[in-house]
N, C-alpha and C. Protein backbone atom coordinates (compact mmCIF):
# COMPACT_ATOMS: atom_id res chain seq x y z
N MET A 1 47.91 148.27 -116.12
CA MET A 1 47.73 149.40 -116.65
C MET A 1 46.42 149.40 -117.71
N HIS A 2 45.55 149.09 -118.16
CA HIS A 2 44.59 148.56 -119.18
C HIS A 2 43.69 149.29 -117.92
N ARG A 3 43.81 147.56 -117.34
CA ARG A 3 42.33 147.75 -115.90
C ARG A 3 42.38 148.90 -115.47
N ALA A 4 43.60 149.91 -115.04
CA ALA A 4 43.46 150.62 -114.46
C ALA A 4 43.00 151.83 -114.64
N LEU A 5 42.85 151.78 -116.10
CA LEU A 5 42.65 153.67 -116.83
C LEU A 5 41.25 152.72 -117.23
N ASP A 6 40.64 151.53 -117.44
CA ASP A 6 39.09 151.22 -117.33
C ASP A 6 38.67 151.39 -115.97
N ALA A 7 39.15 151.07 -115.00
CA ALA A 7 38.13 151.47 -113.89
C ALA A 7 38.46 153.05 -113.91
N ALA A 8 39.79 153.58 -114.48
CA ALA A 8 39.14 155.36 -114.80
C ALA A 8 38.35 156.06 -115.72
N VAL A 9 37.40 155.12 -116.69
CA VAL A 9 36.97 155.69 -116.67
C VAL A 9 35.40 154.84 -116.54
N ALA A 10 35.59 153.82 -115.88
CA ALA A 10 34.45 153.53 -115.67
C ALA A 10 33.16 154.45 -113.99
N LYS A 11 34.78 155.08 -113.51
CA LYS A 11 34.27 155.80 -112.32
C LYS A 11 33.41 156.78 -112.49
N PHE A 12 34.21 157.46 -113.72
CA PHE A 12 34.07 158.71 -114.40
C PHE A 12 32.12 158.55 -115.06
N GLU A 13 32.23 157.20 -115.97
CA GLU A 13 30.74 156.91 -116.69
C GLU A 13 30.11 156.99 -114.73
N ALA A 14 30.51 156.22 -113.80
CA ALA A 14 28.83 156.09 -113.25
C ALA A 14 28.54 157.19 -112.42
N GLY A 15 29.70 158.33 -112.46
CA GLY A 15 28.81 160.14 -111.79
C GLY A 15 28.56 161.05 -113.04
N ASP A 16 28.11 162.36 -112.56
CA ASP A 16 27.90 163.53 -113.38
C ASP A 16 29.41 164.11 -113.67
N ILE A 17 29.13 165.06 -114.81
CA ILE A 17 29.67 165.74 -115.80
C ILE A 17 31.08 166.39 -114.49
N THR A 18 30.44 166.32 -113.38
CA THR A 18 31.77 166.92 -112.27
C THR A 18 32.71 165.75 -111.81
N GLY A 19 32.99 164.52 -112.60
CA GLY A 19 33.61 163.56 -112.38
C GLY A 19 34.98 163.71 -113.47
N VAL A 20 34.98 164.85 -114.41
CA VAL A 20 35.64 164.99 -115.46
C VAL A 20 37.27 165.81 -114.52
N VAL A 21 36.97 166.82 -113.63
CA VAL A 21 38.77 166.87 -113.38
C VAL A 21 38.97 165.36 -112.29
N GLU A 22 38.08 164.97 -111.94
CA GLU A 22 39.01 163.49 -110.98
C GLU A 22 39.33 161.91 -112.23
N LEU A 23 38.78 162.30 -113.67
CA LEU A 23 39.33 161.53 -114.30
C LEU A 23 40.66 162.10 -115.02
N GLU A 24 40.55 163.50 -115.12
CA GLU A 24 41.76 164.25 -115.71
C GLU A 24 42.95 163.63 -115.07
N GLY A 25 43.12 163.91 -113.48
CA GLY A 25 44.31 163.78 -112.79
C GLY A 25 44.09 161.68 -112.26
N LEU A 26 42.90 161.14 -112.54
CA LEU A 26 43.69 159.90 -112.89
C LEU A 26 44.00 159.34 -113.77
N ILE A 27 44.14 160.05 -115.25
CA ILE A 27 44.43 159.44 -116.42
C ILE A 27 45.99 160.15 -116.27
N ALA A 28 46.26 161.38 -115.56
CA ALA A 28 47.56 162.18 -115.39
C ALA A 28 48.61 161.09 -114.43
N VAL A 29 47.98 160.49 -113.23
CA VAL A 29 48.86 159.35 -112.72
C VAL A 29 49.34 158.17 -113.23
N ASN A 30 48.23 158.00 -114.50
CA ASN A 30 48.51 156.42 -115.24
C ASN A 30 49.66 156.76 -115.74
N ARG A 31 49.62 158.27 -116.75
CA ARG A 31 50.65 158.50 -117.62
C ARG A 31 52.07 158.37 -116.67
N LEU A 32 51.88 159.11 -115.66
CA LEU A 32 53.46 159.17 -114.98
C LEU A 32 53.55 157.19 -114.35
N CYS A 33 53.24 156.75 -114.09
CA CYS A 33 53.08 155.40 -113.90
C CYS A 33 53.69 154.55 -115.07
N HIS A 34 53.07 155.55 -115.84
CA HIS A 34 53.52 154.41 -117.56
C HIS A 34 54.88 154.95 -117.96
N LYS A 35 55.10 155.81 -117.73
CA LYS A 35 56.31 156.81 -118.09
C LYS A 35 57.60 155.60 -117.38
N LEU A 36 57.37 155.59 -116.09
CA LEU A 36 58.07 155.61 -115.57
C LEU A 36 58.11 154.07 -115.04
N LEU A 37 57.36 153.42 -115.59
CA LEU A 37 57.22 151.66 -116.03
C LEU A 37 57.97 151.62 -117.12
N SER A 38 57.99 152.43 -118.26
CA SER A 38 58.52 152.07 -119.22
C SER A 38 60.08 152.25 -119.11
N ARG A 39 60.47 152.96 -118.41
CA ARG A 39 61.84 152.85 -118.16
C ARG A 39 61.98 151.97 -117.81
N TYR A 40 61.70 150.04 -117.37
CA TYR A 40 62.42 148.81 -117.44
C TYR A 40 61.34 148.13 -117.76
N LEU A 41 60.12 148.69 -118.29
CA LEU A 41 59.50 147.30 -119.01
C LEU A 41 59.27 147.84 -120.40
N THR A 42 58.77 146.91 -121.63
CA THR A 42 58.39 146.89 -122.53
C THR A 42 56.74 147.40 -122.43
N LEU A 43 56.95 148.29 -122.97
CA LEU A 43 55.08 148.91 -122.82
C LEU A 43 54.09 149.68 -123.88
N ASP A 44 53.28 148.97 -124.41
CA ASP A 44 52.26 149.65 -125.24
C ASP A 44 52.01 151.65 -125.70
N GLU A 45 52.60 152.12 -126.35
CA GLU A 45 52.14 153.47 -125.90
C GLU A 45 51.01 154.26 -125.07
N PHE A 46 51.15 154.62 -124.02
CA PHE A 46 50.24 155.98 -123.11
C PHE A 46 48.89 155.54 -124.27
N ASP A 47 49.23 156.34 -125.29
CA ASP A 47 47.69 156.79 -125.19
C ASP A 47 46.83 155.97 -126.52
N ALA A 48 47.90 155.01 -126.96
CA ALA A 48 47.39 153.30 -127.36
C ALA A 48 46.49 152.68 -126.68
N ILE A 49 47.49 152.46 -125.22
CA ILE A 49 46.01 152.28 -123.59
C ILE A 49 45.20 152.39 -123.71
N LEU A 50 45.07 153.99 -123.44
CA LEU A 50 43.67 154.93 -123.19
C LEU A 50 42.74 155.43 -124.13
N ARG A 51 43.26 154.69 -125.19
CA ARG A 51 42.19 154.77 -127.08
C ARG A 51 41.14 153.48 -126.47
N GLU A 52 42.49 152.08 -125.94
CA GLU A 52 41.58 151.08 -126.09
C GLU A 52 40.96 151.17 -124.84
N SER A 53 41.20 151.54 -123.92
CA SER A 53 40.50 151.18 -122.57
C SER A 53 39.35 152.49 -122.47
N ASP A 54 39.03 152.93 -123.92
CA ASP A 54 38.52 154.01 -123.92
C ASP A 54 37.13 154.01 -124.73
N HIS A 55 37.25 152.48 -125.34
CA HIS A 55 36.72 151.87 -126.69
C HIS A 55 36.78 152.80 -127.59
N GLY A 56 37.58 153.19 -128.14
CA GLY A 56 37.95 154.37 -128.81
C GLY A 56 38.53 153.84 -130.29
N VAL A 57 39.07 152.81 -130.64
CA VAL A 57 39.88 151.65 -131.11
C VAL A 57 38.54 152.03 -132.24
N LEU A 58 37.96 150.74 -131.96
CA LEU A 58 37.12 151.16 -133.69
C LEU A 58 35.66 151.81 -133.62
N ALA A 59 35.44 152.38 -132.87
CA ALA A 59 34.29 153.15 -132.40
C ALA A 59 34.53 154.59 -132.79
N PRO A 60 33.56 155.66 -133.39
CA PRO A 60 33.80 157.06 -133.83
C PRO A 60 34.27 157.88 -132.65
N TYR A 61 32.93 156.85 -131.22
CA TYR A 61 33.77 158.36 -130.13
C TYR A 61 34.00 156.51 -128.76
N GLY A 62 34.69 157.66 -128.17
CA GLY A 62 34.89 156.46 -127.32
C GLY A 62 33.84 157.12 -125.71
N ARG A 63 34.05 156.07 -125.26
CA ARG A 63 33.15 156.04 -123.68
C ARG A 63 33.24 157.88 -122.63
N ILE A 64 34.11 158.02 -122.66
CA ILE A 64 34.38 159.11 -122.46
C ILE A 64 33.48 160.53 -122.86
N THR A 65 34.06 160.25 -124.79
CA THR A 65 33.44 161.50 -125.38
C THR A 65 31.60 161.45 -125.16
N LEU A 66 31.42 160.42 -125.03
CA LEU A 66 29.39 159.79 -124.88
C LEU A 66 29.34 160.27 -123.82
N HIS A 67 29.86 159.84 -122.39
CA HIS A 67 29.62 160.09 -121.30
C HIS A 67 29.35 161.87 -120.99
N VAL A 68 30.12 162.54 -121.13
CA VAL A 68 30.39 163.71 -121.58
C VAL A 68 29.06 164.73 -122.49
N PHE A 69 28.92 163.80 -123.45
CA PHE A 69 28.18 164.35 -124.36
C PHE A 69 26.19 164.15 -123.46
N TRP A 70 26.08 162.68 -122.66
CA TRP A 70 25.27 162.71 -122.96
C TRP A 70 24.82 163.59 -121.45
N GLU A 71 25.71 163.62 -120.20
CA GLU A 71 25.79 164.26 -119.19
C GLU A 71 25.54 166.12 -119.52
N LEU A 72 25.80 166.73 -120.51
CA LEU A 72 25.92 167.41 -121.10
C LEU A 72 24.54 168.02 -121.62
N ASN A 73 23.73 167.08 -122.53
CA ASN A 73 22.36 167.44 -122.90
C ASN A 73 21.14 166.97 -122.08
N TYR A 74 21.61 166.04 -121.08
CA TYR A 74 21.02 165.47 -120.10
C TYR A 74 20.54 165.22 -119.19
N ASP A 75 21.43 165.87 -118.24
CA ASP A 75 21.77 167.16 -117.39
C ASP A 75 22.11 168.20 -117.11
N PHE A 76 23.51 168.68 -117.56
CA PHE A 76 23.55 169.74 -117.17
C PHE A 76 22.74 171.00 -117.68
N LEU A 77 22.96 170.94 -119.41
CA LEU A 77 21.94 172.42 -119.32
C LEU A 77 20.23 172.30 -119.92
N PRO A 78 19.52 171.60 -119.14
CA PRO A 78 18.20 171.22 -119.09
C PRO A 78 18.05 171.55 -117.67
N ASN A 79 19.35 172.05 -116.18
CA ASN A 79 18.76 171.89 -115.20
C ASN A 79 19.75 173.31 -114.87
N TYR A 80 20.95 173.24 -115.53
CA TYR A 80 21.63 174.41 -114.64
C TYR A 80 21.37 175.80 -115.88
N CYS A 81 21.68 176.90 -115.19
CA CYS A 81 21.95 178.11 -115.90
C CYS A 81 22.83 178.65 -115.69
N TYR A 82 23.44 179.95 -116.16
CA TYR A 82 24.96 180.59 -115.66
C TYR A 82 23.62 182.09 -114.75
N ASN A 83 25.19 182.64 -113.87
CA ASN A 83 24.60 183.30 -112.97
C ASN A 83 25.43 184.14 -113.21
N ALA A 84 25.21 185.72 -113.98
CA ALA A 84 26.57 185.98 -114.23
C ALA A 84 27.06 187.09 -112.87
N ALA A 85 26.07 187.50 -112.34
CA ALA A 85 26.71 187.85 -110.65
C ALA A 85 28.03 187.24 -110.06
N THR A 86 27.27 185.97 -109.87
CA THR A 86 28.50 185.04 -109.39
C THR A 86 29.38 184.32 -110.01
N ASP A 87 29.51 184.17 -111.85
CA ASP A 87 30.37 183.70 -112.24
C ASP A 87 30.48 182.44 -112.44
N ARG A 88 29.28 181.70 -113.05
CA ARG A 88 28.86 180.17 -112.12
C ARG A 88 27.51 179.42 -113.26
N TYR A 89 27.72 178.65 -113.56
CA TYR A 89 26.21 177.59 -113.11
C TYR A 89 26.08 176.75 -111.99
N ALA A 90 24.79 177.63 -111.90
CA ALA A 90 23.71 177.18 -110.44
C ALA A 90 22.44 176.05 -111.36
N LEU A 91 21.77 175.45 -110.24
CA LEU A 91 20.71 175.13 -110.64
C LEU A 91 19.74 175.94 -110.50
N TRP A 92 19.29 175.89 -111.57
CA TRP A 92 17.90 176.23 -111.32
C TRP A 92 17.09 176.94 -110.95
N ARG A 93 16.71 175.45 -110.10
CA ARG A 93 15.31 174.66 -109.20
C ARG A 93 16.09 176.13 -107.57
N GLU A 94 17.55 175.92 -107.47
CA GLU A 94 18.40 176.54 -106.54
C GLU A 94 17.83 177.53 -106.73
N ARG A 95 18.13 178.92 -107.49
CA ARG A 95 18.26 179.80 -107.47
C ARG A 95 18.02 180.47 -108.64
N ASN A 96 17.47 181.74 -108.49
CA ASN A 96 17.38 182.54 -109.82
C ASN A 96 18.22 182.67 -110.92
N CYS A 97 17.75 182.66 -112.22
CA CYS A 97 19.14 182.37 -112.98
C CYS A 97 19.36 183.65 -113.88
N HIS A 98 18.70 185.00 -112.83
CA HIS A 98 18.92 186.29 -113.62
C HIS A 98 19.58 186.64 -112.63
N GLY A 99 20.70 185.93 -111.31
CA GLY A 99 20.89 186.49 -111.10
C GLY A 99 20.22 187.21 -110.20
């Protein structure tokens, strides 16, 4: 369980901010797996395992939070703009930001 969550977080860290959707799905699958396994095995609480995989036990910010912060500040905010006509964010190099 620890390795699966660690791999999910590492996969998220290797990609851009859009990987947060996949990370959410992987965490949900692991949560369900933990729930099913805990019927027959004695396991630590899922949230404790996730915090440990995220390195959020001793650090004030975990790996997930730091990666989201990094992606927002150094990729998303400088490179994307909101297009009100399409109601979405678009790369500013590809489209006119004024709609």
